Amino acid sequence: MINDLKIKRINELYKKYKNNSITIDEEKERQQLRKEYIEATKKNIENRLNSIKIKDSKTGIIKKLKKRD
Protein backbone atom coordinates (compact mmCIF):
# COMPACT_ATOMS: atom_id res chain seq x y z
CA MET A 1 0.00 0.00 0.00
CA ILE A 2 1.20 3.46 -0.84
CA ASN A 3 1.08 6.00 1.95
CA ASP A 4 2.09 9.66 2.19
CA LEU A 5 5.60 8.80 3.39
CA LYS A 6 6.26 6.64 0.35
CA ILE A 7 4.96 9.32 -1.99
CA LYS A 8 7.18 11.87 -0.30
CA ARG A 9 10.15 9.52 -0.70
CA ILE A 10 9.33 8.94 -4.39
CA ASN A 11 9.34 12.69 -4.92
CA GLU A 12 12.64 13.14 -3.05
CA LEU A 13 14.29 10.44 -5.12
CA TYR A 14 12.91 11.89 -8.33
CA LYS A 15 14.43 15.28 -7.53
CA LYS A 16 17.80 13.61 -6.93
CA TYR A 17 17.40 11.64 -10.16
CA LYS A 18 16.55 14.79 -12.08
CA ASN A 19 19.68 16.52 -10.72
CA ASN A 20 21.89 13.48 -11.49
CA SER A 21 22.85 13.13 -7.84
CA ILE A 22 21.24 9.77 -7.14
CA THR A 23 23.22 6.75 -5.96
CA ILE A 24 22.80 3.25 -7.35
CA ASP A 25 20.99 2.10 -4.20
CA GLU A 26 18.67 5.10 -4.31
CA GLU A 27 17.92 4.40 -7.96
CA LYS A 28 16.95 0.81 -7.09
CA GLU A 29 14.74 2.12 -4.28
CA ARG A 30 13.19 4.68 -6.64
CA GLN A 31 12.39 1.98 -9.20
CA GLN A 32 10.86 -0.29 -6.56
CA LEU A 33 8.73 2.48 -5.04
CA ARG A 34 7.65 3.61 -8.49
CA LYS A 35 6.64 0.07 -9.43
CA GLU A 36 4.69 -0.27 -6.18
CA TYR A 37 2.96 3.08 -6.81
CA ILE A 38 1.97 2.12 -10.36
CA GLU A 39 0.58 -1.25 -9.23
CA ALA A 40 -1.43 0.41 -6.44
CA THR A 41 -2.80 2.96 -8.92
CA LYS A 42 -3.81 0.23 -11.38
CA LYS A 43 -5.53 -1.71 -8.61
CA ASN A 44 -7.39 1.42 -7.48
CA ILE A 45 -8.62 2.13 -11.01
CA GLU A 46 -9.68 -1.48 -11.49
CA ASN A 47 -11.64 -1.42 -8.21
CA ARG A 48 -13.37 1.80 -9.21
CA LEU A 49 -14.31 0.43 -12.62
CA ASN A 50 -15.61 -2.79 -11.06
CA SER A 51 -17.92 -0.79 -8.81
CA ILE A 52 -19.59 1.10 -11.67
CA LYS A 53 -23.21 0.19 -12.33
CA ILE A 54 -25.29 1.36 -15.25
CA LYS A 55 -29.02 1.93 -15.00
CA ASP A 56 -31.08 1.40 -18.11
CA SER A 57 -33.32 4.46 -18.42
CA LYS A 58 -36.13 2.52 -20.09
CA THR A 59 -36.30 -0.62 -17.97
CA GLY A 60 -34.70 0.62 -14.75
CA ILE A 61 -32.47 -2.46 -14.67
CA ILE A 62 -29.11 -1.88 -13.09
CA LYS A 63 -26.15 -3.70 -14.64
CA LYS A 64 -22.52 -3.90 -13.69
CA LEU A 65 -20.01 -2.63 -16.21
CA LYS A 66 -18.66 -5.56 -18.23
CA LYS A 67 -14.95 -6.23 -18.10
CA ARG A 68 -13.11 -6.48 -21.40
CA ASP A 69 -10.24 -8.86 -21.95
C-alpha atoms as a PDB file:
ATOM      1  CA  MET A   1       0.000   0.000   0.000  1.00  0.00           C
ATOM      2  CA  ILE A   2       1.203   3.464  -0.843  1.00  0.00           C
ATOM      3  CA  ASN A   3       1.084   6.003   1.949  1.00  0.00           C
ATOM      4  CA  ASP A   4       2.093   9.656   2.188  1.00  0.00           C
ATOM      5  CA  LEU A   5       5.602   8.802   3.393  1.00  0.00           C
ATOM      6  CA  LYS A   6       6.259   6.637   0.349  1.00  0.00           C
ATOM      7  CA  ILE A   7       4.956   9.315  -1.993  1.00  0.00           C
ATOM      8  CA  LYS A   8       7.177  11.867  -0.298  1.00  0.00           C
ATOM      9  CA  ARG A   9      10.153   9.518  -0.702  1.00  0.00           C
ATOM     10  CA  ILE A  10       9.328   8.943  -4.390  1.00  0.00           C
ATOM     11  CA  ASN A  11       9.341  12.694  -4.923  1.00  0.00           C
ATOM     12  CA  GLU A  12      12.636  13.136  -3.050  1.00  0.00           C
ATOM     13  CA  LEU A  13      14.293  10.435  -5.117  1.00  0.00           C
ATOM     14  CA  TYR A  14      12.906  11.895  -8.329  1.00  0.00           C
ATOM     15  CA  LYS A  15      14.431  15.282  -7.527  1.00  0.00           C
ATOM     16  CA  LYS A  16      17.799  13.612  -6.930  1.00  0.00           C
ATOM     17  CA  TYR A  17      17.403  11.636 -10.158  1.00  0.00           C
ATOM     18  CA  LYS A  18      16.554  14.786 -12.075  1.00  0.00           C
ATOM     19  CA  ASN A  19      19.681  16.517 -10.716  1.00  0.00           C
ATOM     20  CA  ASN A  20      21.893  13.482 -11.493  1.00  0.00           C
ATOM     21  CA  SER A  21      22.852  13.133  -7.836  1.00  0.00           C
ATOM     22  CA  ILE A  22      21.242   9.774  -7.144  1.00  0.00           C
ATOM     23  CA  THR A  23      23.216   6.750  -5.958  1.00  0.00           C
ATOM     24  CA  ILE A  24      22.797   3.249  -7.350  1.00  0.00           C
ATOM     25  CA  ASP A  25      20.994   2.098  -4.196  1.00  0.00           C
ATOM     26  CA  GLU A  26      18.665   5.100  -4.307  1.00  0.00           C
ATOM     27  CA  GLU A  27      17.919   4.397  -7.959  1.00  0.00           C
ATOM     28  CA  LYS A  28      16.949   0.813  -7.092  1.00  0.00           C
ATOM     29  CA  GLU A  29      14.742   2.124  -4.277  1.00  0.00           C
ATOM     30  CA  ARG A  30      13.186   4.676  -6.645  1.00  0.00           C
ATOM     31  CA  GLN A  31      12.390   1.985  -9.204  1.00  0.00           C
ATOM     32  CA  GLN A  32      10.858  -0.291  -6.563  1.00  0.00           C
ATOM     33  CA  LEU A  33       8.728   2.481  -5.044  1.00  0.00           C
ATOM     34  CA  ARG A  34       7.652   3.609  -8.490  1.00  0.00           C
ATOM     35  CA  LYS A  35       6.639   0.066  -9.432  1.00  0.00           C
ATOM     36  CA  GLU A  36       4.689  -0.270  -6.182  1.00  0.00           C
ATOM     37  CA  TYR A  37       2.959   3.078  -6.806  1.00  0.00           C
ATOM     38  CA  ILE A  38       1.971   2.115 -10.363  1.00  0.00           C
ATOM     39  CA  GLU A  39       0.576  -1.248  -9.231  1.00  0.00           C
ATOM     40  CA  ALA A  40      -1.430   0.405  -6.443  1.00  0.00           C
ATOM     41  CA  THR A  41      -2.804   2.959  -8.917  1.00  0.00           C
ATOM     42  CA  LYS A  42      -3.807   0.234 -11.385  1.00  0.00           C
ATOM     43  CA  LYS A  43      -5.527  -1.712  -8.607  1.00  0.00           C
ATOM     44  CA  ASN A  44      -7.387   1.415  -7.479  1.00  0.00           C
ATOM     45  CA  ILE A  45      -8.618   2.134 -11.007  1.00  0.00           C
ATOM     46  CA  GLU A  46      -9.679  -1.484 -11.491  1.00  0.00           C
ATOM     47  CA  ASN A  47     -11.640  -1.423  -8.211  1.00  0.00           C
ATOM     48  CA  ARG A  48     -13.375   1.799  -9.212  1.00  0.00           C
ATOM     49  CA  LEU A  49     -14.310   0.425 -12.623  1.00  0.00           C
ATOM     50  CA  ASN A  50     -15.611  -2.790 -11.062  1.00  0.00           C
ATOM     51  CA  SER A  51     -17.915  -0.788  -8.812  1.00  0.00           C
ATOM     52  CA  ILE A  52     -19.585   1.096 -11.670  1.00  0.00           C
ATOM     53  CA  LYS A  53     -23.205   0.187 -12.328  1.00  0.00           C
ATOM     54  CA  ILE A  54     -25.286   1.359 -15.255  1.00  0.00           C
ATOM     55  CA  LYS A  55     -29.021   1.927 -14.995  1.00  0.00           C
ATOM     56  CA  ASP A  56     -31.078   1.397 -18.115  1.00  0.00           C
ATOM     57  CA  SER A  57     -33.315   4.458 -18.421  1.00  0.00           C
ATOM     58  CA  LYS A  58     -36.132   2.521 -20.094  1.00  0.00           C
ATOM     59  CA  THR A  59     -36.298  -0.623 -17.970  1.00  0.00           C
ATOM     60  CA  GLY A  60     -34.697   0.618 -14.750  1.00  0.00           C
ATOM     61  CA  ILE A  61     -32.470  -2.457 -14.667  1.00  0.00           C
ATOM     62  CA  ILE A  62     -29.108  -1.879 -13.092  1.00  0.00           C
ATOM     63  CA  LYS A  63     -26.151  -3.705 -14.641  1.00  0.00           C
ATOM     64  CA  LYS A  64     -22.523  -3.896 -13.688  1.00  0.00           C
ATOM     65  CA  LEU A  65     -20.010  -2.627 -16.214  1.00  0.00           C
ATOM     66  CA  LYS A  66     -18.660  -5.560 -18.230  1.00  0.00           C
ATOM     67  CA  LYS A  67     -14.951  -6.231 -18.096  1.00  0.00           C
ATOM     68  CA  ARG A  68     -13.114  -6.484 -21.396  1.00  0.00           C
ATOM     69  CA  ASP A  69     -10.241  -8.859 -21.950  1.00  0.00           C
END
